[in-house]
Amino acid sequence: MNNRLQSLLAMYEKDPRDSFLIYGIALEYIAQEDYEKAEQYFKSLLEQDPGYVPLYIQYAKLKENQSKIEEAKELYMKGIEIADSAGDSHSASEMEEFLNELE
């Protein structure tokens, strides 16, 4: 386990509701190719903070890499909806492009 991940996990123990920390931990697990752990943190974040827009992009990308295309599409579609509701047109547009590439 790298130092960055250890630091994030230590901060997470103190504040397990911090969406940015959970997201960062998931990304670190992806970097280490521990996709099962990454997905655990993405699922946790999805339950805890479904309005966290960056989650949908990275979680969908993980599903794409696992060849779970239908799940990726669902995440992109939900992410587009959330991003639009939040006024985040940049993220919505980015996810629309990724979704179009899958179709």
Protein backbone atom coordinates (compact mmCIF):
# COMPACT_ATOMS: atom_id res chain seq x y z
CA MET A 1 0.00 0.00 0.00
CA ASN A 2 1.42 3.36 -0.98
CA ASN A 3 1.82 6.32 1.36
CA ARG A 4 -0.89 8.37 -0.32
CA LEU A 5 -3.44 5.59 0.14
CA GLN A 6 -2.35 5.10 3.76
CA SER A 7 -2.79 8.81 4.41
CA LEU A 8 -6.23 8.85 2.80
CA LEU A 9 -7.34 5.83 4.79
CA ALA A 10 -6.12 7.43 8.02
CA MET A 11 -8.10 10.60 7.24
CA TYR A 12 -11.11 8.48 6.31
CA GLU A 13 -11.05 6.81 9.73
CA LYS A 14 -11.43 10.27 11.27
CA ASP A 15 -14.10 11.44 8.82
CA PRO A 16 -15.83 8.55 7.00
CA ARG A 17 -18.48 10.89 5.57
CA ASP A 18 -16.04 12.99 3.52
CA SER A 19 -17.03 12.38 -0.10
CA PHE A 20 -13.76 13.70 -1.50
CA LEU A 21 -11.77 11.28 0.67
CA ILE A 22 -13.90 8.31 -0.35
CA TYR A 23 -13.54 9.28 -4.00
CA GLY A 24 -9.77 9.67 -3.60
CA ILE A 25 -9.45 6.27 -1.94
CA ALA A 26 -11.36 4.63 -4.79
CA LEU A 27 -9.06 6.29 -7.33
CA GLU A 28 -5.99 5.12 -5.44
CA TYR A 29 -7.29 1.55 -5.48
CA ILE A 30 -7.83 1.85 -9.23
CA ALA A 31 -4.25 3.04 -9.61
CA GLN A 32 -3.16 -0.08 -7.74
CA GLU A 33 -5.45 -2.20 -9.93
CA ASP A 34 -7.47 -3.31 -6.91
CA TYR A 35 -10.79 -2.88 -8.67
CA GLU A 36 -12.81 -4.76 -6.07
CA LYS A 37 -11.76 -2.33 -3.32
CA ALA A 38 -12.29 0.64 -5.63
CA GLU A 39 -15.81 -0.53 -6.35
CA GLN A 40 -16.53 -0.92 -2.63
CA TYR A 41 -15.65 2.73 -2.06
CA PHE A 42 -17.57 3.89 -5.15
CA LYS A 43 -20.66 2.01 -3.91
CA SER A 44 -20.27 3.54 -0.48
CA LEU A 45 -20.01 7.02 -1.97
CA LEU A 46 -22.99 6.40 -4.23
CA GLU A 47 -25.11 5.47 -1.21
CA GLN A 48 -23.80 8.29 0.97
CA ASP A 49 -23.63 11.15 -1.54
CA PRO A 50 -25.46 10.36 -4.80
CA GLY A 51 -25.01 13.99 -5.90
CA TYR A 52 -21.21 13.69 -6.10
CA VAL A 53 -20.82 14.15 -9.87
CA PRO A 54 -17.20 12.97 -10.40
CA LEU A 55 -18.18 9.60 -8.95
CA TYR A 56 -20.28 8.73 -11.98
CA ILE A 57 -17.51 9.34 -14.49
CA GLN A 58 -14.89 7.27 -12.71
CA TYR A 59 -17.24 4.50 -11.60
CA ALA A 60 -18.55 4.16 -15.17
CA LYS A 61 -14.97 4.06 -16.48
CA LEU A 62 -14.23 1.25 -14.02
CA LYS A 63 -17.26 -0.66 -15.30
CA GLU A 64 -16.11 -0.11 -18.89
CA ASN A 65 -12.70 -1.54 -18.04
CA GLN A 66 -14.42 -4.56 -16.53
CA SER A 67 -16.43 -4.99 -19.78
CA LYS A 68 -19.66 -4.28 -17.90
CA ILE A 69 -20.91 -1.92 -20.57
CA GLU A 70 -24.58 -1.84 -19.59
CA GLU A 71 -23.67 -0.90 -16.03
CA ALA A 72 -21.34 1.79 -17.36
CA LYS A 73 -24.12 3.19 -19.53
CA GLU A 74 -26.50 3.30 -16.56
CA LEU A 75 -23.92 5.17 -14.49
CA TYR A 76 -23.29 7.68 -17.28
CA MET A 77 -27.03 8.27 -17.74
CA LYS A 78 -27.56 8.79 -14.02
CA GLY A 79 -24.46 10.99 -13.86
CA ILE A 80 -25.72 13.16 -16.70
CA GLU A 81 -29.01 13.62 -14.85
CA ILE A 82 -27.22 14.52 -11.59
CA ALA A 83 -24.78 16.88 -13.34
CA ASP A 84 -27.60 18.64 -15.19
CA SER A 85 -29.51 19.07 -11.91
CA ALA A 86 -26.39 20.55 -10.32
CA GLY A 87 -25.82 22.93 -13.25
CA ASP A 88 -22.57 21.15 -14.13
CA SER A 89 -22.88 21.25 -17.91
CA HIS A 90 -19.20 20.44 -18.44
CA SER A 91 -19.42 17.10 -16.62
CA ALA A 92 -22.78 16.31 -18.22
CA SER A 93 -21.32 16.94 -21.66
CA GLU A 94 -18.27 14.84 -20.91
CA MET A 95 -20.42 11.91 -19.78
CA GLU A 96 -22.64 12.28 -22.85
CA GLU A 97 -19.55 11.90 -25.03
CA PHE A 98 -18.44 8.79 -23.13
CA LEU A 99 -21.94 7.36 -23.34
CA ASN A 100 -22.10 7.99 -27.09
CA GLU A 101 -18.82 6.15 -27.54
CA LEU A 102 -20.39 3.08 -25.92
CA GLU A 103 -23.46 3.09 -28.14
